[in-house]
């Protein structure tokens, strides 16, 4: 079971719907069209479409499993004592002085470009349960980071 936001759940459900209703029929049509061209053993279009269908079916199965085991978080029931899932955290890297701002998200919602940090990442694991003013050391692939938690919000 994996907890996620309603927004994240809806985004995954929309992607699954798009794949099943638009992309899969498009690929099936491409396979049918390529099959009609004759000899399949040397038909590049047919083999490319079959590969694309395989990738698409794999992604569909993956998304179905994610949604099957997902539980949408009721944000009104989240604890406010300490950092947890869906917390927005502003921090300072004490080594460089750089300011960081992340929202702690589920594994499937994580997206660094959007400032969503996976709850399973080393930084998130180090700050879970911490509060404003706390300092933590985090071992990351490039070494050890020293972070100060400046602000926590939901």
N, C-alpha and C. Protein backbone atom coordinates (compact mmCIF):
# COMPACT_ATOMS: atom_id res chain seq x y z
N UNK A 1 0.84 -1.17 0.00
CA UNK A 1 0.00 0.00 0.00
C UNK A 1 0.90 1.24 0.00
N UNK A 2 0.51 2.21 -0.83
CA UNK A 2 1.27 3.45 -0.89
C UNK A 2 0.31 4.62 -0.82
N UNK A 3 0.63 5.55 0.07
CA UNK A 3 -0.20 6.74 0.24
C UNK A 3 0.22 7.81 -0.75
N UNK A 4 -0.77 8.52 -1.29
CA UNK A 4 -0.49 9.62 -2.20
C UNK A 4 -1.59 10.65 -2.13
N UNK A 5 -1.30 11.81 -2.68
CA UNK A 5 -2.28 12.89 -2.69
C UNK A 5 -3.37 12.59 -3.71
N UNK A 6 -4.51 13.25 -3.56
CA UNK A 6 -5.61 13.11 -4.52
C UNK A 6 -5.14 13.58 -5.89
N UNK A 7 -4.36 14.65 -5.92
CA UNK A 7 -3.82 15.19 -7.17
C UNK A 7 -2.95 14.16 -7.87
N UNK A 8 -2.07 13.51 -7.12
CA UNK A 8 -1.20 12.49 -7.70
C UNK A 8 -1.97 11.29 -8.22
N UNK A 9 -2.97 10.86 -7.45
CA UNK A 9 -3.81 9.73 -7.85
C UNK A 9 -4.54 10.05 -9.15
N UNK A 10 -5.12 11.25 -9.20
CA UNK A 10 -5.87 11.66 -10.39
C UNK A 10 -4.96 11.77 -11.62
N UNK A 11 -3.75 12.22 -11.42
CA UNK A 11 -2.79 12.36 -12.53
C UNK A 11 -2.44 10.99 -13.11
N UNK A 12 -2.22 10.01 -12.23
CA UNK A 12 -1.90 8.65 -12.68
C UNK A 12 -3.11 8.03 -13.37
N UNK A 13 -4.30 8.24 -12.79
CA UNK A 13 -5.53 7.70 -13.40
C UNK A 13 -5.76 8.30 -14.78
N UNK A 14 -5.48 9.60 -14.94
CA UNK A 14 -5.65 10.26 -16.25
C UNK A 14 -4.67 9.70 -17.27
N UNK A 15 -3.42 9.46 -16.84
CA UNK A 15 -2.44 8.88 -17.76
C UNK A 15 -2.88 7.49 -18.19
N UNK A 16 -3.36 6.69 -17.26
CA UNK A 16 -3.82 5.34 -17.57
C UNK A 16 -4.98 5.39 -18.56
N UNK A 17 -5.92 6.28 -18.32
CA UNK A 17 -7.08 6.42 -19.21
C UNK A 17 -6.62 6.80 -20.63
N UNK A 18 -5.69 7.74 -20.72
CA UNK A 18 -5.15 8.18 -22.01
C UNK A 18 -4.48 7.02 -22.74
N UNK A 19 -3.69 6.24 -22.03
CA UNK A 19 -2.99 5.11 -22.64
C UNK A 19 -3.98 4.06 -23.15
N UNK A 20 -5.01 3.78 -22.34
CA UNK A 20 -5.97 2.73 -22.71
C UNK A 20 -6.93 3.16 -23.81
N UNK A 21 -7.31 4.42 -23.83
CA UNK A 21 -8.35 4.85 -24.77
C UNK A 21 -7.81 5.53 -26.04
N UNK A 22 -6.60 6.05 -26.00
CA UNK A 22 -6.06 6.76 -27.16
C UNK A 22 -4.84 6.03 -27.74
N UNK A 23 -3.83 5.81 -26.90
CA UNK A 23 -2.57 5.26 -27.39
C UNK A 23 -2.68 3.80 -27.82
N UNK A 24 -3.33 2.97 -27.01
CA UNK A 24 -3.43 1.54 -27.34
C UNK A 24 -4.21 1.32 -28.64
N UNK A 25 -5.36 1.96 -28.85
CA UNK A 25 -6.04 1.80 -30.15
C UNK A 25 -5.19 2.31 -31.33
N UNK A 26 -4.43 3.39 -31.12
CA UNK A 26 -3.56 3.91 -32.18
C UNK A 26 -2.51 2.87 -32.57
N UNK A 27 -1.90 2.24 -31.57
CA UNK A 27 -0.87 1.22 -31.84
C UNK A 27 -1.49 -0.01 -32.48
N UNK A 28 -2.66 -0.40 -32.04
CA UNK A 28 -3.33 -1.57 -32.65
C UNK A 28 -3.64 -1.30 -34.12
N UNK A 29 -4.05 -0.07 -34.43
CA UNK A 29 -4.30 0.30 -35.83
C UNK A 29 -3.01 0.24 -36.63
N UNK A 30 -1.89 0.69 -36.06
CA UNK A 30 -0.60 0.67 -36.75
C UNK A 30 -0.16 -0.76 -37.02
N UNK A 31 -0.41 -1.66 -36.07
CA UNK A 31 -0.07 -3.07 -36.26
C UNK A 31 -0.91 -3.67 -37.38
N UNK A 32 -2.19 -3.37 -37.37
CA UNK A 32 -3.10 -3.89 -38.39
C UNK A 32 -2.70 -3.39 -39.78
N UNK A 33 -2.38 -2.11 -39.86
CA UNK A 33 -1.98 -1.52 -41.13
C UNK A 33 -0.68 -2.15 -41.64
N UNK A 34 0.28 -2.34 -40.74
CA UNK A 34 1.56 -2.94 -41.13
C UNK A 34 1.38 -4.40 -41.54
N UNK A 35 0.46 -5.10 -40.86
CA UNK A 35 0.20 -6.51 -41.17
C UNK A 35 -0.37 -6.64 -42.59
N UNK A 36 -1.17 -5.66 -42.98
CA UNK A 36 -1.79 -5.69 -44.31
C UNK A 36 -0.79 -5.51 -45.44
N UNK A 37 0.42 -5.07 -45.12
CA UNK A 37 1.43 -4.82 -46.15
C UNK A 37 2.16 -6.08 -46.59
N UNK A 38 1.85 -7.19 -45.96
CA UNK A 38 2.44 -8.44 -46.45
C UNK A 38 3.39 -9.10 -45.48
N UNK A 39 4.49 -9.63 -46.02
CA UNK A 39 5.48 -10.43 -45.31
C UNK A 39 5.90 -9.79 -43.98
N UNK A 40 5.58 -10.45 -42.87
CA UNK A 40 5.86 -9.90 -41.54
C UNK A 40 7.31 -10.10 -41.12
N UNK A 41 8.01 -11.06 -41.70
CA UNK A 41 9.37 -11.35 -41.27
C UNK A 41 10.33 -10.20 -41.54
N UNK A 42 10.08 -9.41 -42.59
CA UNK A 42 10.96 -8.30 -42.92
C UNK A 42 10.22 -6.95 -42.87
N UNK A 43 9.14 -6.92 -42.15
CA UNK A 43 8.31 -5.71 -42.09
C UNK A 43 8.71 -4.88 -40.87
N UNK A 44 9.54 -3.87 -41.09
CA UNK A 44 10.03 -3.03 -39.99
C UNK A 44 8.89 -2.33 -39.25
N UNK A 45 7.92 -1.80 -39.99
CA UNK A 45 6.81 -1.08 -39.37
C UNK A 45 6.04 -1.99 -38.41
N UNK A 46 5.84 -3.22 -38.82
CA UNK A 46 5.12 -4.19 -37.97
C UNK A 46 5.89 -4.45 -36.67
N UNK A 47 7.19 -4.71 -36.79
CA UNK A 47 7.99 -5.01 -35.60
C UNK A 47 8.11 -3.80 -34.69
N UNK A 48 8.23 -2.60 -35.25
CA UNK A 48 8.30 -1.38 -34.44
C UNK A 48 6.98 -1.16 -33.70
N UNK A 49 5.87 -1.39 -34.37
CA UNK A 49 4.56 -1.22 -33.73
C UNK A 49 4.35 -2.26 -32.63
N UNK A 50 4.81 -3.48 -32.86
CA UNK A 50 4.69 -4.53 -31.83
C UNK A 50 5.54 -4.19 -30.61
N UNK A 51 6.76 -3.65 -30.84
CA UNK A 51 7.60 -3.22 -29.71
C UNK A 51 6.91 -2.10 -28.93
N UNK A 52 6.35 -1.15 -29.66
CA UNK A 52 5.65 -0.04 -29.00
C UNK A 52 4.46 -0.56 -28.20
N UNK A 53 3.74 -1.54 -28.75
CA UNK A 53 2.61 -2.12 -28.05
C UNK A 53 3.07 -2.80 -26.76
N UNK A 54 4.18 -3.50 -26.81
CA UNK A 54 4.71 -4.16 -25.62
C UNK A 54 5.06 -3.16 -24.53
N UNK A 55 5.73 -2.07 -24.91
CA UNK A 55 6.07 -1.03 -23.93
C UNK A 55 4.81 -0.41 -23.34
N UNK A 56 3.85 -0.15 -24.20
CA UNK A 56 2.60 0.46 -23.77
C UNK A 56 1.84 -0.45 -22.80
N UNK A 57 1.76 -1.73 -23.13
CA UNK A 57 1.06 -2.67 -22.24
C UNK A 57 1.78 -2.80 -20.90
N UNK A 58 3.12 -2.75 -20.92
CA UNK A 58 3.88 -2.79 -19.67
C UNK A 58 3.57 -1.57 -18.81
N UNK A 59 3.53 -0.39 -19.43
CA UNK A 59 3.22 0.84 -18.68
C UNK A 59 1.79 0.79 -18.14
N UNK A 60 0.86 0.29 -18.92
CA UNK A 60 -0.53 0.18 -18.47
C UNK A 60 -0.62 -0.74 -17.26
N UNK A 61 0.03 -1.89 -17.33
CA UNK A 61 0.01 -2.83 -16.19
C UNK A 61 0.63 -2.20 -14.95
N UNK A 62 1.73 -1.48 -15.14
CA UNK A 62 2.39 -0.82 -14.02
C UNK A 62 1.45 0.20 -13.37
N UNK A 63 0.83 1.05 -14.16
CA UNK A 63 -0.08 2.07 -13.62
C UNK A 63 -1.29 1.44 -12.94
N UNK A 64 -1.79 0.35 -13.49
CA UNK A 64 -2.92 -0.35 -12.87
C UNK A 64 -2.52 -0.85 -11.47
N UNK A 65 -1.32 -1.39 -11.35
CA UNK A 65 -0.85 -1.87 -10.04
C UNK A 65 -0.66 -0.73 -9.06
N UNK A 66 -0.11 0.39 -9.54
CA UNK A 66 0.07 1.56 -8.67
C UNK A 66 -1.28 1.99 -8.11
N UNK A 67 -2.28 2.11 -8.97
CA UNK A 67 -3.60 2.55 -8.52
C UNK A 67 -4.28 1.51 -7.63
N UNK A 68 -4.02 0.25 -7.92
CA UNK A 68 -4.60 -0.83 -7.11
C UNK A 68 -4.15 -0.74 -5.65
N UNK A 69 -2.90 -0.40 -5.44
CA UNK A 69 -2.35 -0.37 -4.09
C UNK A 69 -2.26 1.03 -3.50
N UNK A 70 -2.74 2.03 -4.23
CA UNK A 70 -2.68 3.41 -3.74
C UNK A 70 -3.81 3.71 -2.77
N UNK A 71 -3.51 4.54 -1.81
CA UNK A 71 -4.51 5.05 -0.87
C UNK A 71 -4.39 6.56 -0.85
N UNK A 72 -5.49 7.24 -1.14
CA UNK A 72 -5.48 8.70 -1.16
C UNK A 72 -5.50 9.21 0.28
N UNK A 73 -4.64 10.16 0.55
CA UNK A 73 -4.51 10.71 1.90
C UNK A 73 -5.60 11.73 2.16
N UNK A 74 -6.24 11.60 3.30
CA UNK A 74 -7.18 12.62 3.77
C UNK A 74 -6.34 13.66 4.50
N UNK A 75 -6.11 14.79 3.86
CA UNK A 75 -5.20 15.80 4.41
C UNK A 75 -5.68 16.37 5.73
N UNK A 76 -6.97 16.28 6.01
CA UNK A 76 -7.47 16.80 7.29
C UNK A 76 -7.04 15.93 8.46
N UNK A 77 -6.61 14.70 8.18
CA UNK A 77 -6.21 13.79 9.25
C UNK A 77 -4.69 13.71 9.43
N UNK A 78 -3.95 14.50 8.64
CA UNK A 78 -2.50 14.48 8.78
C UNK A 78 -2.07 15.16 10.07
N UNK A 79 -1.08 14.59 10.72
CA UNK A 79 -0.54 15.19 11.94
C UNK A 79 0.22 16.45 11.58
N UNK A 80 0.19 17.41 12.45
CA UNK A 80 0.90 18.66 12.18
C UNK A 80 2.19 18.77 12.99
N UNK A 81 2.48 17.74 13.78
CA UNK A 81 3.71 17.77 14.58
C UNK A 81 4.84 17.09 13.81
N UNK A 82 5.64 17.88 13.14
CA UNK A 82 6.79 17.36 12.42
C UNK A 82 6.51 17.17 10.94
N UNK A 83 7.58 16.93 10.23
CA UNK A 83 7.52 16.77 8.79
C UNK A 83 7.01 15.39 8.43
N UNK A 84 6.11 15.34 7.45
CA UNK A 84 5.57 14.08 6.97
C UNK A 84 5.20 14.21 5.50
N UNK A 85 4.48 13.24 5.00
CA UNK A 85 4.04 13.24 3.62
C UNK A 85 3.20 14.48 3.35
N UNK A 86 3.44 15.14 2.24
CA UNK A 86 2.78 16.36 1.78
C UNK A 86 3.20 17.62 2.52
N UNK A 87 4.21 17.53 3.39
CA UNK A 87 4.75 18.72 4.05
C UNK A 87 5.59 19.51 3.06
N UNK A 88 5.45 20.83 3.08
CA UNK A 88 6.32 21.71 2.29
C UNK A 88 7.40 22.18 3.25
N UNK A 89 8.66 21.94 2.88
CA UNK A 89 9.78 22.20 3.78
C UNK A 89 10.77 23.16 3.12
N UNK A 90 11.07 24.23 3.83
CA UNK A 90 12.10 25.16 3.39
C UNK A 90 13.31 24.92 4.27
N UNK A 91 14.48 24.73 3.63
CA UNK A 91 15.70 24.39 4.35
C UNK A 91 16.86 25.23 3.84
N UNK A 92 17.91 25.25 4.66
CA UNK A 92 19.16 25.89 4.25
C UNK A 92 20.27 24.86 4.31
N UNK A 93 21.04 24.78 3.24
CA UNK A 93 22.23 23.93 3.22
C UNK A 93 23.29 24.69 4.00
N UNK A 94 23.66 24.21 5.16
CA UNK A 94 24.60 24.92 6.02
C UNK A 94 26.02 24.95 5.45
N UNK A 95 26.33 24.08 4.53
CA UNK A 95 27.65 24.06 3.92
C UNK A 95 27.82 25.13 2.85
N UNK A 96 26.74 25.38 2.10
CA UNK A 96 26.83 26.33 0.99
C UNK A 96 25.98 27.59 1.19
N UNK A 97 25.05 27.51 2.13
CA UNK A 97 24.14 28.63 2.33
C UNK A 97 22.96 28.63 1.36
N UNK A 98 22.88 27.65 0.49
CA UNK A 98 21.81 27.57 -0.50
C UNK A 98 20.47 27.27 0.17
N UNK A 99 19.42 27.91 -0.34
CA UNK A 99 18.06 27.68 0.16
C UNK A 99 17.42 26.58 -0.68
N UNK A 100 16.73 25.67 -0.03
CA UNK A 100 16.05 24.56 -0.70
C UNK A 100 14.60 24.57 -0.28
N UNK A 101 13.71 24.22 -1.19
CA UNK A 101 12.29 24.13 -0.86
C UNK A 101 11.71 22.91 -1.57
N UNK A 102 11.18 21.97 -0.79
CA UNK A 102 10.62 20.75 -1.34
C UNK A 102 9.30 20.42 -0.67
N UNK A 103 8.45 19.74 -1.42
CA UNK A 103 7.26 19.13 -0.85
C UNK A 103 7.53 17.63 -0.81
N UNK A 104 7.30 17.01 0.33
CA UNK A 104 7.52 15.57 0.47
C UNK A 104 6.36 14.85 -0.21
N UNK A 105 6.66 14.02 -1.20
CA UNK A 105 5.63 13.36 -2.00
C UNK A 105 5.86 11.86 -2.04
N UNK A 106 4.83 11.14 -2.51
CA UNK A 106 4.98 9.69 -2.65
C UNK A 106 5.98 9.40 -3.76
N UNK A 107 6.44 8.18 -3.81
CA UNK A 107 7.42 7.76 -4.81
C UNK A 107 6.94 8.05 -6.22
N UNK A 108 5.66 7.83 -6.49
CA UNK A 108 5.13 7.99 -7.85
C UNK A 108 4.80 9.44 -8.19
N UNK A 109 4.77 10.31 -7.20
CA UNK A 109 4.49 11.73 -7.45
C UNK A 109 5.77 12.56 -7.49
N UNK A 110 6.87 11.99 -7.06
CA UNK A 110 8.12 12.73 -6.97
C UNK A 110 8.52 13.29 -8.33
N UNK A 111 8.95 14.56 -8.31
CA UNK A 111 9.38 15.23 -9.53
C UNK A 111 10.22 16.43 -9.11
N UNK A 112 11.52 16.33 -9.24
CA UNK A 112 12.40 17.39 -8.77
C UNK A 112 12.15 18.70 -9.50
N UNK A 113 11.74 18.66 -10.76
CA UNK A 113 11.47 19.89 -11.51
C UNK A 113 10.29 20.66 -10.90
N UNK A 114 9.38 19.92 -10.25
CA UNK A 114 8.23 20.55 -9.59
C UNK A 114 8.48 20.76 -8.10
N UNK A 115 9.66 20.42 -7.63
CA UNK A 115 9.98 20.58 -6.21
C UNK A 115 9.34 19.52 -5.33
N UNK A 116 9.01 18.36 -5.91
CA UNK A 116 8.41 17.26 -5.15
C UNK A 116 9.47 16.19 -4.92
N UNK A 117 9.83 16.01 -3.67
CA UNK A 117 10.89 15.11 -3.25
C UNK A 117 10.28 13.79 -2.78
N UNK A 118 10.78 12.67 -3.28
CA UNK A 118 10.28 11.36 -2.89
C UNK A 118 10.48 11.13 -1.40
N UNK A 119 9.46 10.59 -0.77
CA UNK A 119 9.54 10.29 0.66
C UNK A 119 10.60 9.23 0.95
N UNK A 120 11.01 8.50 -0.09
CA UNK A 120 12.02 7.46 0.08
C UNK A 120 13.44 7.96 -0.19
N UNK A 121 13.59 9.23 -0.53
CA UNK A 121 14.91 9.79 -0.80
C UNK A 121 15.68 9.97 0.51
N UNK A 122 17.00 10.02 0.45
CA UNK A 122 17.79 10.19 1.67
C UNK A 122 17.45 11.48 2.43
N UNK A 123 17.23 12.57 1.71
CA UNK A 123 16.91 13.84 2.38
C UNK A 123 15.57 13.73 3.10
N UNK A 124 14.56 13.22 2.42
CA UNK A 124 13.24 13.09 3.05
C UNK A 124 13.30 12.16 4.26
N UNK A 125 14.01 11.05 4.14
CA UNK A 125 14.13 10.13 5.26
C UNK A 125 14.79 10.79 6.47
N UNK A 126 15.76 11.66 6.20
CA UNK A 126 16.47 12.32 7.30
C UNK A 126 15.63 13.37 8.01
N UNK A 127 14.69 14.00 7.30
CA UNK A 127 13.92 15.10 7.91
C UNK A 127 12.53 14.69 8.40
N UNK A 128 12.10 13.46 8.10
CA UNK A 128 10.78 13.01 8.57
C UNK A 128 10.68 13.13 10.09
N UNK A 129 9.60 13.74 10.56
CA UNK A 129 9.37 13.88 11.99
C UNK A 129 10.09 15.07 12.62
N UNK A 130 10.95 15.72 11.88
CA UNK A 130 11.69 16.88 12.41
C UNK A 130 10.80 18.12 12.38
N UNK A 131 11.27 19.18 13.06
CA UNK A 131 10.52 20.43 13.15
C UNK A 131 11.39 21.62 12.75
N UNK A 132 10.75 22.77 12.64
CA UNK A 132 11.47 24.00 12.31
C UNK A 132 12.60 24.21 13.30
N UNK A 133 13.76 24.63 12.79
CA UNK A 133 14.92 24.89 13.63
C UNK A 133 15.83 23.70 13.80
N UNK A 134 15.34 22.49 13.52
CA UNK A 134 16.18 21.29 13.64
C UNK A 134 17.25 21.28 12.56
N UNK A 135 18.38 20.70 12.90
CA UNK A 135 19.46 20.51 11.94
C UNK A 135 19.69 19.01 11.77
N UNK A 136 19.94 18.60 10.52
CA UNK A 136 20.16 17.19 10.22
C UNK A 136 21.36 17.03 9.32
N UNK A 137 21.99 15.87 9.41
CA UNK A 137 23.04 15.49 8.47
C UNK A 137 22.50 14.37 7.60
N UNK A 138 22.72 14.51 6.31
CA UNK A 138 22.19 13.55 5.35
C UNK A 138 23.33 13.01 4.49
N UNK A 139 23.44 11.70 4.44
CA UNK A 139 24.43 11.09 3.56
C UNK A 139 23.79 10.93 2.18
N UNK A 140 24.40 11.58 1.20
CA UNK A 140 23.96 11.51 -0.18
C UNK A 140 25.14 11.02 -1.02
N UNK A 141 24.90 10.64 -2.27
CA UNK A 141 26.00 10.10 -3.09
C UNK A 141 27.23 11.01 -3.19
N UNK A 142 27.05 12.33 -3.10
CA UNK A 142 28.21 13.22 -3.23
C UNK A 142 28.86 13.56 -1.90
N UNK A 143 28.39 12.99 -0.82
CA UNK A 143 28.97 13.27 0.49
C UNK A 143 27.90 13.42 1.55
N UNK A 144 28.15 14.32 2.50
CA UNK A 144 27.21 14.55 3.59
C UNK A 144 26.74 16.00 3.55
N UNK A 145 25.42 16.17 3.61
CA UNK A 145 24.83 17.50 3.65
C UNK A 145 24.41 17.83 5.07
N UNK A 146 24.63 19.06 5.47
CA UNK A 146 24.11 19.55 6.74
C UNK A 146 23.00 20.54 6.41
N UNK A 147 21.79 20.22 6.86
CA UNK A 147 20.63 21.04 6.54
C UNK A 147 19.97 21.57 7.80
N UNK A 148 19.48 22.81 7.72
CA UNK A 148 18.67 23.39 8.80
C UNK A 148 17.26 23.57 8.25
N UNK A 149 16.28 23.11 9.02
CA UNK A 149 14.89 23.24 8.60
C UNK A 149 14.40 24.62 9.03
N UNK A 150 14.07 25.46 8.06
CA UNK A 150 13.66 26.83 8.33
C UNK A 150 12.15 26.99 8.50
N UNK A 151 11.38 26.28 7.66
CA UNK A 151 9.93 26.45 7.72
C UNK A 151 9.25 25.17 7.25
N UNK A 152 8.16 24.81 7.92
CA UNK A 152 7.37 23.64 7.54
C UNK A 152 5.92 24.07 7.41
N UNK A 153 5.29 23.71 6.30
CA UNK A 153 3.87 24.01 6.13
C UNK A 153 3.19 22.88 5.38
N UNK A 154 1.88 22.90 5.36
CA UNK A 154 1.10 21.86 4.66
C UNK A 154 0.43 22.48 3.47
